[in-house]
Protein backbone atom coordinates (compact mmCIF):
# COMPACT_ATOMS: atom_id res chain seq x y z
CA MET A 1 -14.08 11.82 5.23
CA ARG A 2 -17.24 12.43 7.31
CA ALA A 3 -17.68 8.42 8.09
CA LEU A 4 -14.30 7.35 8.37
CA LYS A 5 -14.61 10.50 11.63
CA TYR A 6 -18.01 8.31 12.96
CA ALA A 7 -15.84 5.17 12.46
CA LEU A 8 -12.48 6.36 14.44
CA ALA A 9 -14.99 8.08 17.04
CA ALA A 10 -17.39 4.42 17.97
CA SER A 11 -13.84 3.00 18.15
CA LEU A 12 -12.40 4.96 20.38
CA LEU A 13 -15.51 4.86 22.47
CA VAL A 14 -15.03 1.11 22.93
CA ALA A 15 -11.83 1.41 23.87
CA ALA A 16 -12.01 4.18 26.28
CA PRO A 17 -11.29 2.59 29.51
CA ALA A 18 -8.45 0.95 27.95
CA ALA A 19 -7.17 4.31 26.41
CA VAL A 20 -7.79 6.90 29.12
CA ALA A 21 -4.05 6.92 30.06
CA GLN A 22 -2.75 7.23 26.79
CA GLN A 23 -4.75 10.54 25.17
CA GLN A 24 -1.88 10.37 22.22
CA LEU A 25 -2.16 8.01 19.19
CA SER A 26 0.26 6.74 17.35
CA ILE A 27 -0.56 6.20 13.32
CA ALA A 28 1.71 3.83 11.27
CA THR A 29 1.78 4.83 7.76
CA GLY A 30 4.71 4.63 5.30
CA GLY A 31 7.65 6.26 3.64
CA THR A 32 7.51 10.03 3.18
CA GLY A 33 7.78 10.01 -0.46
CA GLY A 34 4.73 7.91 -0.82
CA THR A 35 1.15 8.50 0.19
CA TYR A 36 0.23 6.87 3.39
CA TYR A 37 2.55 9.39 5.05
CA PRO A 38 0.77 13.01 4.13
CA TYR A 39 -3.04 10.84 4.93
CA GLY A 40 -1.41 9.90 7.81
CA GLY A 41 -1.34 13.38 8.68
CA GLY A 42 -4.72 14.09 7.65
CA LEU A 43 -5.89 11.54 9.71
CA ALA A 44 -4.21 12.51 13.11
CA GLU A 45 -5.40 16.10 12.39
CA LEU A 46 -8.88 15.46 12.09
CA ILE A 47 -8.35 12.77 15.08
CA LYS A 48 -6.98 16.45 16.88
CA GLU A 49 -10.28 18.57 15.40
CA HIS A 50 -13.19 16.40 15.96
CA ILE A 51 -12.15 13.88 18.43
CA ASP A 52 -11.99 15.20 22.43
CA GLY A 53 -9.36 14.17 24.65
CA TYR A 54 -6.99 12.51 22.10
CA ASP A 55 -4.42 13.80 20.11
CA ALA A 56 -2.65 11.90 17.27
CA VAL A 57 0.49 12.09 15.47
CA ALA A 58 1.80 10.23 12.13
CA GLU A 59 4.76 7.77 12.01
CA VAL A 60 6.97 7.17 9.35
CA THR A 61 7.59 3.30 9.23
CA GLY A 62 8.49 0.75 6.24
CA ALA A 63 4.82 0.63 5.14
CA SER A 64 1.99 -2.13 5.39
CA VAL A 65 3.93 -5.30 6.00
CA GLU A 66 5.98 -3.79 9.27
CA ASN A 67 2.64 -1.84 10.61
CA MET A 68 0.99 -4.78 10.82
CA GLY A 69 3.29 -5.84 13.49
CA LEU A 70 3.10 -2.48 15.10
CA VAL A 71 -0.03 -2.43 15.87
CA TRP A 72 -0.61 -5.95 16.65
CA ARG A 73 2.35 -5.72 19.53
CA GLY A 74 0.63 -2.13 20.59
CA ASP A 75 3.65 -0.10 19.38
CA SER A 76 0.83 1.85 17.22
CA ASP A 77 -2.58 2.43 17.81
CA MET A 78 -3.64 2.37 14.22
CA ALA A 79 -2.47 1.67 10.76
CA LEU A 80 -2.73 2.02 7.06
CA ALA A 81 -1.99 -1.17 5.30
CA LEU A 82 -2.54 -2.77 2.04
CA ALA A 83 -5.77 -5.04 2.05
CA ASP A 84 -4.01 -7.89 0.74
CA THR A 85 -1.44 -7.31 3.62
CA VAL A 86 -4.37 -7.48 6.23
CA TYR A 87 -5.96 -10.34 4.60
CA GLN A 88 -2.46 -12.51 5.14
CA ALA A 89 -2.28 -11.30 8.53
CA TYR A 90 -5.86 -12.76 9.32
CA ASN A 91 -5.24 -15.85 7.77
CA GLY A 92 -1.44 -16.30 8.73
CA THR A 93 -0.28 -16.45 4.79
CA GLY A 94 2.42 -15.68 2.88
CA ASP A 95 4.70 -13.19 4.60
CA PHE A 96 2.37 -13.91 7.49
CA GLU A 97 2.84 -17.90 7.51
CA GLY A 98 3.37 -19.03 11.09
CA ARG A 99 2.40 -16.43 12.73
CA GLN A 100 -1.20 -15.54 12.00
CA LEU A 101 -2.63 -12.34 13.68
CA GLU A 102 -5.89 -13.60 13.98
CA ASN A 103 -7.87 -10.28 16.08
CA ILE A 104 -6.91 -8.26 13.12
CA ARG A 105 -9.71 -6.41 12.15
CA ALA A 106 -9.97 -2.69 10.04
CA LEU A 107 -12.26 0.26 10.70
CA ALA A 108 -12.67 1.17 7.00
CA SER A 109 -11.85 0.88 3.59
CA VAL A 110 -10.04 4.26 2.77
CA TYR A 111 -8.62 4.88 -0.50
CA PRO A 112 -7.36 2.52 -3.43
CA ASN A 113 -3.80 1.75 -4.13
CA ALA A 114 -2.73 0.82 -7.68
CA VAL A 115 0.29 -1.13 -8.96
CA GLN A 116 2.45 1.31 -10.80
CA ILE A 117 5.64 -0.29 -12.33
CA VAL A 118 7.87 2.58 -14.07
CA THR A 119 10.89 2.78 -16.23
CA MET A 120 11.97 5.22 -18.51
CA ALA A 121 10.51 6.09 -21.98
CA ASP A 122 13.57 4.68 -23.82
CA SER A 123 14.63 1.52 -22.05
CA GLY A 124 12.62 -0.54 -24.27
CA ILE A 125 10.63 -1.89 -21.45
CA GLU A 126 7.04 -2.22 -22.36
CA SER A 127 6.09 -5.60 -20.93
CA LEU A 128 6.71 -7.77 -17.41
CA GLN A 129 8.11 -9.96 -19.64
CA ASP A 130 10.93 -7.65 -20.30
CA LEU A 131 11.92 -6.96 -16.76
CA GLU A 132 13.71 -10.47 -17.19
CA GLY A 133 17.68 -9.95 -16.93
CA LYS A 134 16.82 -6.02 -15.77
CA ILE A 135 17.40 -4.35 -12.23
CA VAL A 136 14.23 -3.84 -11.05
CA SER A 137 13.19 -2.09 -7.35
CA VAL A 138 10.42 -4.38 -6.10
CA GLY A 139 10.06 -2.53 -2.75
CA ALA A 140 11.34 -1.14 0.58
CA PRO A 141 11.88 -4.41 2.99
CA GLY A 142 8.77 -4.92 4.73
CA SER A 143 6.55 -2.87 2.41
CA GLY A 144 2.73 -4.00 0.95
CA THR A 145 4.93 -2.45 -2.66
CA GLU A 146 6.78 -5.65 -2.32
CA LEU A 147 4.35 -8.10 -1.52
CA ASN A 148 2.10 -6.83 -4.72
CA ALA A 149 5.47 -7.08 -6.80
CA ARG A 150 6.01 -10.46 -5.76
CA ALA A 151 1.97 -11.49 -6.59
CA VAL A 152 1.61 -9.93 -9.69
CA LEU A 153 5.13 -11.61 -11.02
CA GLU A 154 4.94 -15.18 -9.75
CA THR A 155 1.70 -15.54 -10.75
CA ASN A 156 2.50 -14.65 -14.17
CA GLY A 157 5.78 -17.19 -14.63
CA ILE A 158 8.18 -14.48 -13.37
CA SER A 159 10.61 -15.39 -10.46
CA TYR A 160 13.06 -13.04 -8.18
CA ASP A 161 15.73 -15.62 -10.02
CA ASP A 162 14.76 -13.93 -13.31
CA PHE A 163 16.19 -10.47 -12.92
CA GLU A 164 18.03 -8.40 -9.98
CA ALA A 165 15.95 -7.00 -7.37
CA ARG A 166 16.73 -4.27 -5.40
CA ARG A 167 14.31 -3.55 -2.12
CA LEU A 168 14.23 0.52 -2.47
CA ASN A 169 11.60 2.85 -0.88
CA PHE A 170 9.88 5.18 -3.47
CA ASN A 171 12.10 7.91 -2.93
CA GLU A 172 15.21 5.67 -3.40
CA THR A 173 13.24 3.91 -6.61
CA ALA A 174 12.36 6.97 -8.03
CA ASP A 175 15.80 8.57 -7.36
CA ALA A 176 17.64 5.02 -9.11
CA LEU A 177 15.61 5.48 -11.92
CA ARG A 178 16.67 9.20 -12.53
CA ASP A 179 20.63 8.34 -12.55
CA GLY A 180 20.38 4.91 -14.36
CA ASP A 181 21.25 2.90 -11.17
CA ILE A 182 17.65 0.80 -12.47
CA ASP A 183 15.98 -0.20 -15.13
CA ALA A 184 12.32 -0.01 -13.39
CA GLY A 185 10.89 0.31 -10.42
CA PHE A 186 7.53 -0.74 -8.55
CA TRP A 187 5.05 1.18 -6.62
CA SER A 188 1.72 0.34 -4.98
CA VAL A 189 0.56 3.18 -3.88
CA GLY A 190 -2.58 5.89 -4.28
CA PRO A 191 -2.50 7.75 -7.56
CA PRO A 192 -1.02 10.17 -8.40
CA THR A 193 2.22 9.31 -6.13
CA SER A 194 4.63 12.78 -5.38
CA SER A 195 7.40 10.43 -5.96
CA ILE A 196 6.47 9.70 -9.47
CA MET A 197 5.24 13.09 -10.39
CA ASN A 198 9.03 14.86 -9.34
CA LEU A 199 10.61 12.24 -11.45
CA ALA A 200 7.73 12.53 -14.64
CA THR A 201 8.97 16.85 -13.98
CA THR A 202 12.48 15.95 -14.98
CA ARG A 203 12.95 12.47 -17.17
CA ASP A 204 10.26 10.74 -19.51
CA ILE A 205 8.97 8.24 -18.35
CA ARG A 206 6.98 5.10 -19.26
CA LEU A 207 4.25 2.96 -17.06
CA ILE A 208 4.08 -0.30 -17.96
CA GLY A 209 0.76 -1.82 -18.19
CA LEU A 210 -0.87 -5.74 -17.22
CA SER A 211 -2.93 -7.77 -20.36
CA ASP A 212 -6.44 -8.74 -19.13
CA GLU A 213 -4.78 -11.96 -18.83
CA GLU A 214 -1.55 -10.89 -16.71
CA VAL A 215 -4.62 -9.35 -14.18
CA ALA A 216 -6.42 -12.49 -14.22
CA ASN A 217 -3.88 -14.52 -13.18
CA ALA A 218 -3.05 -12.41 -10.28
CA ARG A 219 -6.63 -12.03 -9.19
CA GLU A 220 -6.65 -15.68 -9.12
CA GLU A 221 -3.98 -16.17 -6.56
CA VAL A 222 -4.98 -12.74 -4.03
CA PRO A 223 -8.57 -12.08 -3.45
CA VAL A 224 -8.65 -8.35 -2.77
CA PHE A 225 -7.14 -7.41 -6.18
CA ALA A 226 -9.07 -5.78 -8.97
CA PRO A 227 -8.73 -4.24 -12.52
CA TYR A 228 -7.48 -0.31 -12.36
CA GLU A 229 -7.11 2.10 -14.79
CA LEU A 230 -4.36 5.05 -14.09
CA ARG A 231 -6.16 7.66 -16.20
CA ALA A 232 -4.08 9.23 -18.99
CA GLY A 233 -2.29 12.41 -17.96
CA LEU A 234 -1.67 10.91 -14.52
CA TYR A 235 1.79 12.04 -14.57
CA GLU A 236 3.23 14.17 -17.19
CA GLY A 237 3.92 12.81 -20.38
CA MET A 238 1.21 10.12 -20.04
CA GLU A 239 -1.01 10.00 -22.86
CA GLU A 240 -2.78 6.56 -22.80
CA PRO A 241 -4.65 5.24 -19.75
CA VAL A 242 -2.59 1.80 -18.28
CA GLN A 243 -4.13 -0.93 -17.08
CA THR A 244 -2.97 -2.48 -13.87
CA ILE A 245 -4.23 -3.69 -10.38
CA GLY A 246 -5.69 -1.94 -7.65
CA ILE A 247 -5.65 -2.65 -3.78
CA PRO A 248 -7.59 -1.12 -1.14
CA THR A 249 -6.00 0.69 1.90
CA SER A 250 -7.26 -0.58 5.01
CA TRP A 251 -7.26 0.58 8.35
CA PRO A 252 -6.41 -1.70 11.25
CA PRO A 253 -6.45 -1.05 14.82
CA THR A 254 -4.51 -2.16 17.54
CA PRO A 255 -6.80 -5.55 18.50
CA ARG A 256 -7.06 -4.36 21.96
CA TRP A 257 -9.61 -2.11 20.32
CA THR A 258 -11.26 -4.54 18.64
CA ARG A 259 -11.38 -7.81 20.85
CA ASN A 260 -15.10 -7.88 21.10
CA TRP A 261 -15.86 -6.87 17.68
CA PRO A 262 -17.43 -9.34 14.69
CA ILE A 263 -15.54 -11.33 12.50
CA ARG A 264 -15.06 -9.48 8.86
CA SER A 265 -12.18 -10.60 7.08
CA PRO A 266 -10.15 -7.99 5.04
CA ARG A 267 -11.49 -10.16 1.84
CA HIS A 268 -15.01 -8.16 1.72
CA CYS A 269 -12.71 -5.21 0.87
CA SER A 270 -12.86 -3.72 -2.65
CA SER A 271 -10.80 -1.40 -4.93
CA THR A 272 -12.38 1.49 -7.14
CA PRO A 273 -11.25 0.63 -10.37
CA THR A 274 -10.24 4.13 -11.89
CA SER A 275 -8.06 5.98 -11.05
């Protein structure tokens, strides 16, 4: 946290001439059922307590993809976003094809997210291939979860044509699983996360693991993916570790702060390998 405080302070000093009239900073985060919103609230408190002359507030958003547009336009001063989303924005690929955000930089790599694929324990779904023909939440529109879900599935031979896709946020996904309205759901979030924790206290859940081959296939396509192990006991009833993919959370500020920074692509971010 001390390193994050110093990184932020240095950035604000560089941006000071442009920020004199705007002491209130906006931090674009995500939905209330994930990790970005409470983490953004913590960053806001850090700014209030340790950066003289500045106040901050965490804003609820659609998460990574939406956040990149918010900081690019200057509607938010900084954001939390998955590194693969930042990488796509920087390079003008994927969801950002034809609208490259080439001035995007990052203050830091904050913590690792993990792709978490959840189903009910009695669903019979035990692998990615078992999702075919099912109803699956792939994350909220404009979220990094949806980008991650699509990448993991398509690099392993599964398209949205193979199942019924629902675009739900974390809380909606947990509720839909609990009510039997969907068969499985994707989260890409720092583990453990409250929406899955709450679901696991009322229902028996299973986390679907990825094989070595499935991890390797996804990493070939997305440079910032890394192997990640969700530890046993992470959620109630989770008796064994589960292999999945980790993605760093980056902390990009609005480009008006960073126009004179040296270029450092988000490709250089790395994930912590275990929860």
